[in-house]
Amino acid sequence: MQKPWSKPVVVIIGEPPVETSIETTQAASWAMIEDWPIEDEPALDKALLICADVSKGKRPDEDARQAFVAAAVEAGVLVRK
């Protein structure tokens, strides 16, 4: 089971776009892979790599949260962090 982040990150993603609360590294990974509005951008690529490291136990969950926030800002989908 995924450990919840200290605080959820709310983004607007999907088709049609809806406000979505992301609370775990796994949910962040799926959101960026399945519903992200941009591809191959630096913050997105970095966030995906960091999420993979967190899932392998190589980094803390907060690293994934911070990277996800940066990717959301880059994509223009961040509502609340």
Protein backbone atom coordinates (compact mmCIF):
# COMPACT_ATOMS: atom_id res chain seq x y z
CA MET A 1 0.00 0.00 0.00
CA GLN A 2 1.18 3.47 -0.87
CA LYS A 3 1.91 5.88 1.96
CA PRO A 4 -0.13 9.10 1.57
CA TRP A 5 1.77 12.33 1.05
CA SER A 6 1.89 14.93 3.83
CA LYS A 7 -0.59 17.03 1.86
CA PRO A 8 -2.51 16.26 -1.37
CA VAL A 9 -1.79 18.13 -4.59
CA VAL A 10 -4.84 19.23 -6.58
CA VAL A 11 -4.56 19.41 -10.37
CA ILE A 12 -6.94 19.77 -13.31
CA ILE A 13 -6.41 16.81 -15.67
CA GLY A 14 -8.26 14.31 -17.84
CA GLU A 15 -10.80 14.43 -20.65
CA PRO A 16 -12.84 16.39 -19.90
CA PRO A 17 -10.51 18.17 -17.46
CA VAL A 18 -11.60 17.74 -13.84
CA GLU A 19 -10.13 18.78 -10.50
CA THR A 20 -8.27 15.76 -9.12
CA SER A 21 -6.61 15.30 -5.74
CA ILE A 22 -3.33 13.38 -5.95
CA GLU A 23 -2.28 11.90 -2.60
CA THR A 24 0.37 9.24 -3.34
CA THR A 25 3.42 8.71 -5.51
CA GLN A 26 1.62 5.94 -7.41
CA ALA A 27 -1.35 8.22 -8.16
CA ALA A 28 1.05 10.93 -9.34
CA SER A 29 2.81 8.51 -11.66
CA TRP A 30 -0.46 7.32 -13.18
CA ALA A 31 -1.71 10.89 -13.61
CA MET A 32 1.45 11.94 -15.43
CA ILE A 33 1.47 8.84 -17.64
CA GLU A 34 -2.25 8.67 -18.47
CA ASP A 35 -3.77 12.14 -18.18
CA TRP A 36 -1.00 14.72 -18.52
CA PRO A 37 -1.64 17.46 -21.13
CA ILE A 38 2.01 17.71 -22.25
CA GLU A 39 4.77 15.22 -23.05
CA ASP A 40 8.56 15.21 -22.97
CA GLU A 41 9.04 18.31 -20.84
CA PRO A 42 11.94 18.61 -18.36
CA ALA A 43 9.97 18.79 -15.08
CA LEU A 44 7.64 15.98 -16.21
CA ASP A 45 10.53 13.70 -17.16
CA LYS A 46 12.30 14.44 -13.86
CA ALA A 47 9.11 13.83 -11.84
CA LEU A 48 8.56 10.44 -13.50
CA LEU A 49 12.13 9.39 -12.69
CA ILE A 50 11.82 10.56 -9.09
CA CYS A 51 8.49 8.75 -8.67
CA ALA A 52 10.15 5.56 -9.92
CA ASP A 53 12.97 6.00 -7.38
CA VAL A 54 10.46 6.59 -4.57
CA SER A 55 8.53 3.47 -5.56
CA LYS A 56 11.79 1.49 -5.33
CA GLY A 57 12.48 2.90 -1.86
CA LYS A 58 15.47 4.95 -3.03
CA ARG A 59 14.02 8.36 -2.14
CA PRO A 60 11.48 9.79 0.33
CA ASP A 61 7.84 10.38 -0.64
CA GLU A 62 8.25 14.14 -0.27
CA ASP A 63 10.71 14.16 -3.20
CA ALA A 64 7.98 12.75 -5.44
CA ARG A 65 5.46 15.29 -4.16
CA GLN A 66 7.80 18.22 -4.84
CA ALA A 67 8.68 16.92 -8.30
CA PHE A 68 4.99 16.40 -9.10
CA VAL A 69 4.22 19.99 -8.07
CA ALA A 70 6.99 21.23 -10.39
CA ALA A 71 5.59 19.14 -13.27
CA ALA A 72 2.08 20.47 -12.58
CA VAL A 73 3.33 24.06 -12.66
CA GLU A 74 5.18 23.34 -15.92
CA ALA A 75 1.99 21.91 -17.45
CA GLY A 76 -0.24 24.69 -16.13
CA VAL A 77 -2.53 22.27 -14.28
CA LEU A 78 -1.73 23.04 -10.63
CA VAL A 79 -4.72 24.18 -8.55
CA ARG A 80 -3.46 23.76 -5.00
CA LYS A 81 -0.32 22.37 -3.36
